Amino acid sequence: MSDMRNNPTPPLHPSIVALVSLAAGIAAKHPAMGLCQLQRLRSLGVSEDHINTVVDIARHIRDEAAQKLDTAFDEQSVAAPVVEAGGACCTPTASGQACC
């Protein structure tokens, strides 16, 4: 990584920032769904094919991650330890709130 003080790197083009933001929002299931990025990308002249490719990749990453989490859960749930009556299956939050 370059030292910004000695060799400043030019900022990313706004279209790259919007594409990254769109993909991250989709992959993270962000409630805004990247709609403002879509508008920005279109106003910057990014082709619908490029936008659709980014959306496809982000959805694939999101879905693959969910599938892997589901598989890991399924594997762990088969061998889950038995929790005795009155026992807890999780620890409370930092403020003491029960999570299960």
PDB file of N, CA and C in Angstrom:
ATOM      1  N   MET A   1       0.844  -1.167   0.000  1.00  0.00           N
ATOM      2  CA  MET A   1       0.000   0.000   0.000  1.00  0.00           C
ATOM      3  C   MET A   1       0.891   1.232   0.000  1.00  0.00           C
ATOM      4  N   SER A   2       0.545   2.201  -0.807  1.00  0.00           N
ATOM      5  CA  SER A   2       1.397   3.376  -0.899  1.00  0.00           C
ATOM      6  C   SER A   2       1.147   4.330   0.260  1.00  0.00           C
ATOM      7  N   ASP A   3       2.164   5.100   0.577  1.00  0.00           N
ATOM      8  CA  ASP A   3       2.065   6.102   1.628  1.00  0.00           C
ATOM      9  C   ASP A   3       1.424   7.344   1.018  1.00  0.00           C
ATOM     10  N   MET A   4       0.222   7.688   1.467  1.00  0.00           N
ATOM     11  CA  MET A   4      -0.550   8.793   0.890  1.00  0.00           C
ATOM     12  C   MET A   4       0.182  10.126   1.004  1.00  0.00           C
ATOM     13  N   ARG A   5       1.048  10.291   2.010  1.00  0.00           N
ATOM     14  CA  ARG A   5       1.731  11.572   2.192  1.00  0.00           C
ATOM     15  C   ARG A   5       2.802  11.775   1.135  1.00  0.00           C
ATOM     16  N   ASN A   6       3.481  10.711   0.733  1.00  0.00           N
ATOM     17  CA  ASN A   6       4.584  10.840  -0.214  1.00  0.00           C
ATOM     18  C   ASN A   6       4.154  10.627  -1.654  1.00  0.00           C
ATOM     19  N   ASN A   7       3.156   9.811  -1.864  1.00  0.00           N
ATOM     20  CA  ASN A   7       2.740   9.469  -3.218  1.00  0.00           C
ATOM     21  C   ASN A   7       1.210   9.339  -3.239  1.00  0.00           C
ATOM     22  N   PRO A   8       0.503  10.469  -3.270  1.00  0.00           N
ATOM     23  CA  PRO A   8      -0.947  10.395  -3.197  1.00  0.00           C
ATOM     24  C   PRO A   8      -1.536   9.613  -4.378  1.00  0.00           C
ATOM     25  N   THR A   9      -2.431   8.727  -4.054  1.00  0.00           N
ATOM     26  CA  THR A   9      -3.119   7.945  -5.062  1.00  0.00           C
ATOM     27  C   THR A   9      -4.347   8.719  -5.496  1.00  0.00           C
ATOM     28  N   PRO A  10      -4.597   8.805  -6.778  1.00  0.00           N
ATOM     29  CA  PRO A  10      -5.801   9.528  -7.208  1.00  0.00           C
ATOM     30  C   PRO A  10      -7.052   8.808  -6.699  1.00  0.00           C
ATOM     31  N   PRO A  11      -8.098   9.568  -6.399  1.00  0.00           N
ATOM     32  CA  PRO A  11      -9.316   8.931  -5.902  1.00  0.00           C
ATOM     33  C   PRO A  11      -9.929   8.021  -6.969  1.00  0.00           C
ATOM     34  N   LEU A  12     -10.684   7.045  -6.512  1.00  0.00           N
ATOM     35  CA  LEU A  12     -11.379   6.164  -7.438  1.00  0.00           C
ATOM     36  C   LEU A  12     -12.398   6.967  -8.237  1.00  0.00           C
ATOM     37  N   HIS A  13     -12.611   6.545  -9.461  1.00  0.00           N
ATOM     38  CA  HIS A  13     -13.629   7.186 -10.290  1.00  0.00           C
ATOM     39  C   HIS A  13     -14.987   6.986  -9.622  1.00  0.00           C
ATOM     40  N   PRO A  14     -15.860   7.974  -9.678  1.00  0.00           N
ATOM     41  CA  PRO A  14     -17.176   7.845  -9.037  1.00  0.00           C
ATOM     42  C   PRO A  14     -17.966   6.614  -9.487  1.00  0.00           C
ATOM     43  N   SER A  15     -17.772   6.181 -10.717  1.00  0.00           N
ATOM     44  CA  SER A  15     -18.500   4.996 -11.179  1.00  0.00           C
ATOM     45  C   SER A  15     -17.998   3.733 -10.478  1.00  0.00           C
ATOM     46  N   ILE A  16     -16.709   3.683 -10.185  1.00  0.00           N
ATOM     47  CA  ILE A  16     -16.162   2.524  -9.467  1.00  0.00           C
ATOM     48  C   ILE A  16     -16.690   2.511  -8.040  1.00  0.00           C
ATOM     49  N   VAL A  17     -16.699   3.675  -7.402  1.00  0.00           N
ATOM     50  CA  VAL A  17     -17.224   3.768  -6.044  1.00  0.00           C
ATOM     51  C   VAL A  17     -18.686   3.336  -6.019  1.00  0.00           C
ATOM     52  N   ALA A  18     -19.471   3.790  -6.969  1.00  0.00           N
ATOM     53  CA  ALA A  18     -20.897   3.437  -7.012  1.00  0.00           C
ATOM     54  C   ALA A  18     -21.088   1.947  -7.286  1.00  0.00           C
ATOM     55  N   LEU A  19     -20.266   1.359  -8.154  1.00  0.00           N
ATOM     56  CA  LEU A  19     -20.370  -0.082  -8.421  1.00  0.00           C
ATOM     57  C   LEU A  19     -20.029  -0.899  -7.183  1.00  0.00           C
ATOM     58  N   VAL A  20     -18.959  -0.505  -6.490  1.00  0.00           N
ATOM     59  CA  VAL A  20     -18.567  -1.211  -5.263  1.00  0.00           C
ATOM     60  C   VAL A  20     -19.656  -1.075  -4.209  1.00  0.00           C
ATOM     61  N   SER A  21     -20.180   0.117  -4.057  1.00  0.00           N
ATOM     62  CA  SER A  21     -21.228   0.367  -3.071  1.00  0.00           C
ATOM     63  C   SER A  21     -22.488  -0.435  -3.402  1.00  0.00           C
ATOM     64  N   LEU A  22     -22.859  -0.478  -4.668  1.00  0.00           N
ATOM     65  CA  LEU A  22     -24.019  -1.256  -5.103  1.00  0.00           C
ATOM     66  C   LEU A  22     -23.824  -2.725  -4.769  1.00  0.00           C
ATOM     67  N   ALA A  23     -22.672  -3.270  -5.128  1.00  0.00           N
ATOM     68  CA  ALA A  23     -22.389  -4.686  -4.881  1.00  0.00           C
ATOM     69  C   ALA A  23     -22.371  -4.994  -3.391  1.00  0.00           C
ATOM     70  N   ALA A  24     -21.732  -4.143  -2.613  1.00  0.00           N
ATOM     71  CA  ALA A  24     -21.659  -4.379  -1.165  1.00  0.00           C
ATOM     72  C   ALA A  24     -23.039  -4.314  -0.532  1.00  0.00           C
ATOM     73  N   GLY A  25     -23.850  -3.370  -0.960  1.00  0.00           N
ATOM     74  CA  GLY A  25     -25.200  -3.245  -0.428  1.00  0.00           C
ATOM     75  C   GLY A  25     -26.056  -4.459  -0.715  1.00  0.00           C
ATOM     76  N   ILE A  26     -25.949  -4.973  -1.914  1.00  0.00           N
ATOM     77  CA  ILE A  26     -26.709  -6.171  -2.284  1.00  0.00           C
ATOM     78  C   ILE A  26     -26.211  -7.372  -1.494  1.00  0.00           C
ATOM     79  N   ALA A  27     -24.900  -7.561  -1.460  1.00  0.00           N
ATOM     80  CA  ALA A  27     -24.330  -8.712  -0.761  1.00  0.00           C
ATOM     81  C   ALA A  27     -24.645  -8.663   0.729  1.00  0.00           C
ATOM     82  N   ALA A  28     -24.725  -7.464   1.305  1.00  0.00           N
ATOM     83  CA  ALA A  28     -24.997  -7.312   2.729  1.00  0.00           C
ATOM     84  C   ALA A  28     -26.489  -7.244   3.040  1.00  0.00           C
ATOM     85  N   LYS A  29     -27.324  -7.338   2.033  1.00  0.00           N
ATOM     86  CA  LYS A  29     -28.787  -7.237   2.196  1.00  0.00           C
ATOM     87  C   LYS A  29     -29.176  -5.903   2.819  1.00  0.00           C
ATOM     88  N   HIS A  30     -28.512  -4.846   2.407  1.00  0.00           N
ATOM     89  CA  HIS A  30     -28.798  -3.510   2.931  1.00  0.00           C
ATOM     90  C   HIS A  30     -30.206  -3.094   2.507  1.00  0.00           C
ATOM     91  N   PRO A  31     -30.986  -2.541   3.435  1.00  0.00           N
ATOM     92  CA  PRO A  31     -32.371  -2.208   3.105  1.00  0.00           C
ATOM     93  C   PRO A  31     -32.543  -1.158   2.007  1.00  0.00           C
ATOM     94  N   ALA A  32     -31.543  -0.332   1.766  1.00  0.00           N
ATOM     95  CA  ALA A  32     -31.661   0.677   0.706  1.00  0.00           C
ATOM     96  C   ALA A  32     -31.564   0.055  -0.685  1.00  0.00           C
ATOM     97  N   MET A  33     -31.077  -1.181  -0.754  1.00  0.00           N
ATOM     98  CA  MET A  33     -31.004  -1.970  -1.985  1.00  0.00           C
ATOM     99  C   MET A  33     -30.176  -1.340  -3.105  1.00  0.00           C
ATOM    100  N   GLY A  34     -29.387  -0.339  -2.808  1.00  0.00           N
ATOM    101  CA  GLY A  34     -28.530   0.238  -3.834  1.00  0.00           C
ATOM    102  C   GLY A  34     -29.243   1.077  -4.868  1.00  0.00           C
ATOM    103  N   LEU A  35     -30.467   1.490  -4.583  1.00  0.00           N
ATOM    104  CA  LEU A  35     -31.227   2.239  -5.581  1.00  0.00           C
ATOM    105  C   LEU A  35     -30.582   3.582  -5.919  1.00  0.00           C
ATOM    106  N   CYS A  36     -29.984   4.257  -4.931  1.00  0.00           N
ATOM    107  CA  CYS A  36     -29.337   5.535  -5.255  1.00  0.00           C
ATOM    108  C   CYS A  36     -28.079   5.301  -6.097  1.00  0.00           C
ATOM    109  N   GLN A  37     -27.398   4.158  -5.876  1.00  0.00           N
ATOM    110  CA  GLN A  37     -26.227   3.850  -6.698  1.00  0.00           C
ATOM    111  C   GLN A  37     -26.654   3.572  -8.149  1.00  0.00           C
ATOM    112  N   LEU A  38     -27.781   2.908  -8.317  1.00  0.00           N
ATOM    113  CA  LEU A  38     -28.269   2.649  -9.685  1.00  0.00           C
ATOM    114  C   LEU A  38     -28.492   3.961 -10.430  1.00  0.00           C
ATOM    115  N   GLN A  39     -29.137   4.903  -9.756  1.00  0.00           N
ATOM    116  CA  GLN A  39     -29.396   6.198 -10.381  1.00  0.00           C
ATOM    117  C   GLN A  39     -28.076   6.892 -10.720  1.00  0.00           C
ATOM    118  N   ARG A  40     -27.133   6.851  -9.792  1.00  0.00           N
ATOM    119  CA  ARG A  40     -25.822   7.492 -10.008  1.00  0.00           C
ATOM    120  C   ARG A  40     -25.087   6.836 -11.173  1.00  0.00           C
ATOM    121  N   LEU A  41     -25.081   5.495 -11.199  1.00  0.00           N
ATOM    122  CA  LEU A  41     -24.391   4.780 -12.276  1.00  0.00           C
ATOM    123  C   LEU A  41     -24.983   5.133 -13.637  1.00  0.00           C
ATOM    124  N   ARG A  42     -26.276   5.185 -13.709  1.00  0.00           N
ATOM    125  CA  ARG A  42     -26.931   5.534 -14.977  1.00  0.00           C
ATOM    126  C   ARG A  42     -26.602   6.961 -15.379  1.00  0.00           C
ATOM    127  N   SER A  43     -26.571   7.876 -14.396  1.00  0.00           N
ATOM    128  CA  SER A  43     -26.251   9.278 -14.717  1.00  0.00           C
ATOM    129  C   SER A  43     -24.798   9.419 -15.157  1.00  0.00           C
ATOM    130  N   LEU A  44     -23.929   8.484 -14.721  1.00  0.00           N
ATOM    131  CA  LEU A  44     -22.518   8.514 -15.122  1.00  0.00           C
ATOM    132  C   LEU A  44     -22.292   7.800 -16.452  1.00  0.00           C
ATOM    133  N   GLY A  45     -23.343   7.220 -17.015  1.00  0.00           N
ATOM    134  CA  GLY A  45     -23.235   6.569 -18.318  1.00  0.00           C
ATOM    135  C   GLY A  45     -22.741   5.131 -18.274  1.00  0.00           C
ATOM    136  N   VAL A  46     -22.781   4.500 -17.100  1.00  0.00           N
ATOM    137  CA  VAL A  46     -22.371   3.099 -16.997  1.00  0.00           C
ATOM    138  C   VAL A  46     -23.430   2.254 -17.687  1.00  0.00           C
ATOM    139  N   SER A  47     -22.991   1.319 -18.500  1.00  0.00           N
ATOM    140  CA  SER A  47     -23.933   0.517 -19.281  1.00  0.00           C
ATOM    141  C   SER A  47     -24.775  -0.397 -18.391  1.00  0.00           C
ATOM    142  N   GLU A  48     -25.985  -0.671 -18.840  1.00  0.00           N
ATOM    143  CA  GLU A  48     -26.876  -1.581 -18.117  1.00  0.00           C
ATOM    144  C   GLU A  48     -26.247  -2.977 -18.025  1.00  0.00           C
ATOM    145  N   ASP A  49     -25.485  -3.380 -19.047  1.00  0.00           N
ATOM    146  CA  ASP A  49     -24.815  -4.683 -19.000  1.00  0.00           C
ATOM    147  C   ASP A  49     -23.811  -4.740 -17.852  1.00  0.00           C
ATOM    148  N   HIS A  50     -23.044  -3.662 -17.661  1.00  0.00           N
ATOM    149  CA  HIS A  50     -22.080  -3.633 -16.557  1.00  0.00           C
ATOM    150  C   HIS A  50     -22.800  -3.627 -15.213  1.00  0.00           C
ATOM    151  N   ILE A  51     -23.862  -2.847 -15.103  1.00  0.00           N
ATOM    152  CA  ILE A  51     -24.640  -2.805 -13.862  1.00  0.00           C
ATOM    153  C   ILE A  51     -25.217  -4.181 -13.570  1.00  0.00           C
ATOM    154  N   ASN A  52     -25.800  -4.817 -14.580  1.00  0.00           N
ATOM    155  CA  ASN A  52     -26.398  -6.139 -14.391  1.00  0.00           C
ATOM    156  C   ASN A  52     -25.364  -7.188 -13.992  1.00  0.00           C
ATOM    157  N   THR A  53     -24.156  -7.070 -14.528  1.00  0.00           N
ATOM    158  CA  THR A  53     -23.087  -8.006 -14.165  1.00  0.00           C
ATOM    159  C   THR A  53     -22.732  -7.855 -12.690  1.00  0.00           C
ATOM    160  N   VAL A  54     -22.610  -6.612 -12.232  1.00  0.00           N
ATOM    161  CA  VAL A  54     -22.290  -6.362 -10.823  1.00  0.00           C
ATOM    162  C   VAL A  54     -23.414  -6.883  -9.926  1.00  0.00           C
ATOM    163  N   VAL A  55     -24.655  -6.651 -10.300  1.00  0.00           N
ATOM    164  CA  VAL A  55     -25.793  -7.136  -9.516  1.00  0.00           C
ATOM    165  C   VAL A  55     -25.774  -8.656  -9.466  1.00  0.00           C
ATOM    166  N   ASP A  56     -25.504  -9.290 -10.594  1.00  0.00           N
ATOM    167  CA  ASP A  56     -25.458 -10.753 -10.650  1.00  0.00           C
ATOM    168  C   ASP A  56     -24.362 -11.307  -9.737  1.00  0.00           C
ATOM    169  N   ILE A  57     -23.186 -10.722  -9.786  1.00  0.00           N
ATOM    170  CA  ILE A  57     -22.069 -11.168  -8.947  1.00  0.00           C
ATOM    171  C   ILE A  57     -22.403 -10.966  -7.470  1.00  0.00           C
ATOM    172  N   ALA A  58     -22.942  -9.814  -7.116  1.00  0.00           N
ATOM    173  CA  ALA A  58     -23.273  -9.526  -5.717  1.00  0.00           C
ATOM    174  C   ALA A  58     -24.331 -10.482  -5.186  1.00  0.00           C
ATOM    175  N   ARG A  59     -25.334 -10.749  -5.999  1.00  0.00           N
ATOM    176  CA  ARG A  59     -26.378 -11.694  -5.581  1.00  0.00           C
ATOM    177  C   ARG A  59     -25.797 -13.099  -5.411  1.00  0.00           C
ATOM    178  N   HIS A  60     -24.897 -13.465  -6.301  1.00  0.00           N
ATOM    179  CA  HIS A  60     -24.269 -14.787  -6.197  1.00  0.00           C
ATOM    180  C   HIS A  60     -23.483 -14.903  -4.886  1.00  0.00           C
ATOM    181  N   ILE A  61     -22.703 -13.887  -4.563  1.00  0.00           N
ATOM    182  CA  ILE A  61     -21.918 -13.896  -3.326  1.00  0.00           C
ATOM    183  C   ILE A  61     -22.849 -13.951  -2.119  1.00  0.00           C
ATOM    184  N   ARG A  62     -23.902 -13.135  -2.124  1.00  0.00           N
ATOM    185  CA  ARG A  62     -24.865 -13.124  -1.023  1.00  0.00           C
ATOM    186  C   ARG A  62     -25.516 -14.495  -0.853  1.00  0.00           C
ATOM    187  N   ASP A  63     -25.980 -15.066  -1.964  1.00  0.00           N
ATOM    188  CA  ASP A  63     -26.677 -16.355  -1.900  1.00  0.00           C
ATOM    189  C   ASP A  63     -25.743 -17.491  -1.516  1.00  0.00           C
ATOM    190  N   GLU A  64     -24.511 -17.442  -2.029  1.00  0.00           N
ATOM    191  CA  GLU A  64     -23.534 -18.477  -1.688  1.00  0.00           C
ATOM    192  C   GLU A  64     -23.189 -18.419  -0.196  1.00  0.00           C
ATOM    193  N   ALA A  65     -23.031 -17.207   0.338  1.00  0.00           N
ATOM    194  CA  ALA A  65     -22.736 -17.062   1.760  1.00  0.00           C
ATOM    195  C   ALA A  65     -23.888 -17.595   2.605  1.00  0.00           C
ATOM    196  N   ALA A  66     -25.113 -17.277   2.218  1.00  0.00           N
ATOM    197  CA  ALA A  66     -26.278 -17.768   2.965  1.00  0.00           C
ATOM    198  C   ALA A  66     -26.355 -19.282   2.908  1.00  0.00           C
ATOM    199  N   GLN A  67     -26.065 -19.833   1.746  1.00  0.00           N
ATOM    200  CA  GLN A  67     -26.099 -21.288   1.594  1.00  0.00           C
ATOM    201  C   GLN A  67     -25.043 -21.957   2.473  1.00  0.00           C
ATOM    202  N   LYS A  68     -23.856 -21.385   2.515  1.00  0.00           N
ATOM    203  CA  LYS A  68     -22.788 -21.953   3.348  1.00  0.00           C
ATOM    204  C   LYS A  68     -23.133 -21.831   4.830  1.00  0.00           C
ATOM    205  N   LEU A  69     -23.742 -20.715   5.228  1.00  0.00           N
ATOM    206  CA  LEU A  69     -24.157 -20.565   6.618  1.00  0.00           C
ATOM    207  C   LEU A  69     -25.233 -21.584   6.971  1.00  0.00           C
ATOM    208  N   ASP A  70     -26.179 -21.788   6.046  1.00  0.00           N
ATOM    209  CA  ASP A  70     -27.231 -22.778   6.283  1.00  0.00           C
ATOM    210  C   ASP A  70     -26.646 -24.177   6.407  1.00  0.00           C
ATOM    211  N   THR A  71     -25.689 -24.507   5.561  1.00  0.00           N
ATOM    212  CA  THR A  71     -25.048 -25.818   5.611  1.00  0.00           C
ATOM    213  C   THR A  71     -24.313 -25.999   6.931  1.00  0.00           C
ATOM    214  N   ALA A  72     -23.570 -24.973   7.345  1.00  0.00           N
ATOM    215  CA  ALA A  72     -22.840 -25.050   8.610  1.00  0.00           C
ATOM    216  C   ALA A  72     -23.814 -25.203   9.776  1.00  0.00           C
ATOM    217  N   PHE A  73     -24.927 -24.477   9.730  1.00  0.00           N
ATOM    218  CA  PHE A  73     -25.929 -24.603  10.786  1.00  0.00           C
ATOM    219  C   PHE A  73     -26.497 -26.016  10.814  1.00  0.00           C
ATOM    220  N   ASP A  74     -26.840 -26.531   9.644  1.00  0.00           N
ATOM    221  CA  ASP A  74     -27.401 -27.880   9.572  1.00  0.00           C
ATOM    222  C   ASP A  74     -26.433 -28.911  10.137  1.00  0.00           C
ATOM    223  N   GLU A  75     -25.143 -28.763   9.798  1.00  0.00           N
ATOM    224  CA  GLU A  75     -24.136 -29.703  10.304  1.00  0.00           C
ATOM    225  C   GLU A  75     -24.018 -29.609  11.820  1.00  0.00           C
ATOM    226  N   GLN A  76     -24.025 -28.397  12.342  1.00  0.00           N
ATOM    227  CA  GLN A  76     -23.881 -28.203  13.789  1.00  0.00           C
ATOM    228  C   GLN A  76     -25.140 -28.606  14.547  1.00  0.00           C
ATOM    229  N   SER A  77     -26.300 -28.396  13.943  1.00  0.00           N
ATOM    230  CA  SER A  77     -27.544 -28.691  14.652  1.00  0.00           C
ATOM    231  C   SER A  77     -27.749 -30.181  14.844  1.00  0.00           C
ATOM    232  N   VAL A  78     -27.172 -31.000  13.961  1.00  0.00           N
ATOM    233  CA  VAL A  78     -27.274 -32.448  14.103  1.00  0.00           C
ATOM    234  C   VAL A  78     -26.506 -32.911  15.333  1.00  0.00           C
ATOM    235  N   ALA A  79     -25.377 -32.285  15.591  1.00  0.00           N
ATOM    236  CA  ALA A  79     -24.520 -32.679  16.714  1.00  0.00           C
ATOM    237  C   ALA A  79     -24.601 -31.678  17.859  1.00  0.00           C
ATOM    238  N   ALA A  80     -25.689 -30.902  17.907  1.00  0.00           N
ATOM    239  CA  ALA A  80     -25.803 -29.875  18.943  1.00  0.00           C
ATOM    240  C   ALA A  80     -25.872 -30.507  20.326  1.00  0.00           C
ATOM    241  N   PRO A  81     -25.157 -29.929  21.276  1.00  0.00           N
ATOM    242  CA  PRO A  81     -25.201 -30.476  22.645  1.00  0.00           C
ATOM    243  C   PRO A  81     -26.572 -30.260  23.265  1.00  0.00           C
ATOM    244  N   VAL A  82     -26.940 -31.140  24.127  1.00  0.00           N
ATOM    245  CA  VAL A  82     -28.212 -31.016  24.835  1.00  0.00           C
ATOM    246  C   VAL A  82     -28.043 -29.976  25.930  1.00  0.00           C
ATOM    247  N   VAL A  83     -28.982 -29.039  25.985  1.00  0.00           N
ATOM    248  CA  VAL A  83     -28.946 -28.010  27.018  1.00  0.00           C
ATOM    249  C   VAL A  83     -29.876 -28.456  28.132  1.00  0.00           C
ATOM    250  N   GLU A  84     -29.322 -28.529  29.332  1.00  0.00           N
ATOM    251  CA  GLU A  84     -30.125 -28.959  30.474  1.00  0.00           C
ATOM    252  C   GLU A  84     -31.169 -27.903  30.805  1.00  0.00           C
ATOM    253  N   ALA A  85     -32.259 -28.338  31.429  1.00  0.00           N
ATOM    254  CA  ALA A  85     -33.318 -27.418  31.832  1.00  0.00           C
ATOM    255  C   ALA A  85     -32.721 -26.281  32.637  1.00  0.00           C
ATOM    256  N   GLY A  86     -33.105 -25.071  32.313  1.00  0.00           N
ATOM    257  CA  GLY A  86     -32.591 -23.905  33.024  1.00  0.00           C
ATOM    258  C   GLY A  86     -31.269 -23.411  32.479  1.00  0.00           C
ATOM    259  N   GLY A  87     -30.651 -24.180  31.582  1.00  0.00           N
ATOM    260  CA  GLY A  87     -29.381 -23.759  30.998  1.00  0.00           C
ATOM    261  C   GLY A  87     -29.612 -22.778  29.859  1.00  0.00           C
ATOM    262  N   ALA A  88     -28.563 -22.143  29.418  1.00  0.00           N
ATOM    263  CA  ALA A  88     -28.681 -21.177  28.330  1.00  0.00           C
ATOM    264  C   ALA A  88     -27.921 -21.668  27.116  1.00  0.00           C
ATOM    265  N   CYS A  89     -28.495 -21.416  25.952  1.00  0.00           N
ATOM    266  CA  CYS A  89     -27.808 -21.810  24.720  1.00  0.00           C
ATOM    267  C   CYS A  89     -26.995 -20.662  24.154  1.00  0.00           C
ATOM    268  N   CYS A  90     -27.087 -19.500  24.792  1.00  0.00           N
ATOM    269  CA  CYS A  90     -26.303 -18.350  24.336  1.00  0.00           C
ATOM    270  C   CYS A  90     -25.961 -17.494  25.536  1.00  0.00           C
ATOM    271  N   THR A  91     -25.044 -16.595  25.321  1.00  0.00           N
ATOM    272  CA  THR A  91     -24.671 -15.682  26.394  1.00  0.00           C
ATOM    273  C   THR A  91     -25.468 -14.395  26.221  1.00  0.00           C
ATOM    274  N   PRO A  92     -25.715 -13.661  27.293  1.00  0.00           N
ATOM    275  CA  PRO A  92     -26.464 -12.409  27.166  1.00  0.00           C
ATOM    276  C   PRO A  92     -25.628 -11.339  26.480  1.00  0.00           C
ATOM    277  N   THR A  93     -26.309 -10.317  26.011  1.00  0.00           N
ATOM    278  CA  THR A  93     -25.618  -9.188  25.403  1.00  0.00           C
ATOM    279  C   THR A  93     -24.833  -8.444  26.480  1.00  0.00           C
ATOM    280  N   ALA A  94     -24.023  -7.496  26.081  1.00  0.00           N
ATOM    281  CA  ALA A  94     -23.219  -6.719  27.022  1.00  0.00           C
ATOM    282  C   ALA A  94     -24.087  -6.000  28.046  1.00  0.00           C
ATOM    283  N   SER A  95     -25.311  -5.624  27.663  1.00  0.00           N
ATOM    284  CA  SER A  95     -26.210  -4.934  28.596  1.00  0.00           C
ATOM    285  C   SER A  95     -27.016  -5.905  29.447  1.00  0.00           C
ATOM    286  N   GLY A  96     -26.807  -7.224  29.247  1.00  0.00           N
ATOM    287  CA  GLY A  96     -27.493  -8.217  30.052  1.00  0.00           C
ATOM    288  C   GLY A  96     -28.767  -8.762  29.457  1.00  0.00           C
ATOM    289  N   GLN A  97     -29.092  -8.359  28.223  1.00  0.00           N
ATOM    290  CA  GLN A  97     -30.296  -8.841  27.567  1.00  0.00           C
ATOM    291  C   GLN A  97     -30.090 -10.263  27.059  1.00  0.00           C
ATOM    292  N   ALA A  98     -31.095 -11.122  27.296  1.00  0.00           N
ATOM    293  CA  ALA A  98     -31.035 -12.478  26.785  1.00  0.00           C
ATOM    294  C   ALA A  98     -31.245 -12.464  25.277  1.00  0.00           C
ATOM    295  N   CYS A  99     -30.529 -13.323  24.570  1.00  0.00           N
ATOM    296  CA  CYS A  99     -30.681 -13.383  23.116  1.00  0.00           C
ATOM    297  C   CYS A  99     -31.449 -14.623  22.684  1.00  0.00           C
ATOM    298  N   CYS A 100     -31.795 -15.484  23.627  1.00  0.00           N
ATOM    299  CA  CYS A 100     -32.579 -16.666  23.283  1.00  0.00           C
ATOM    300  C   CYS A 100     -33.483 -17.043  24.427  1.00  0.00           C
TER     301      CYS A 100
END
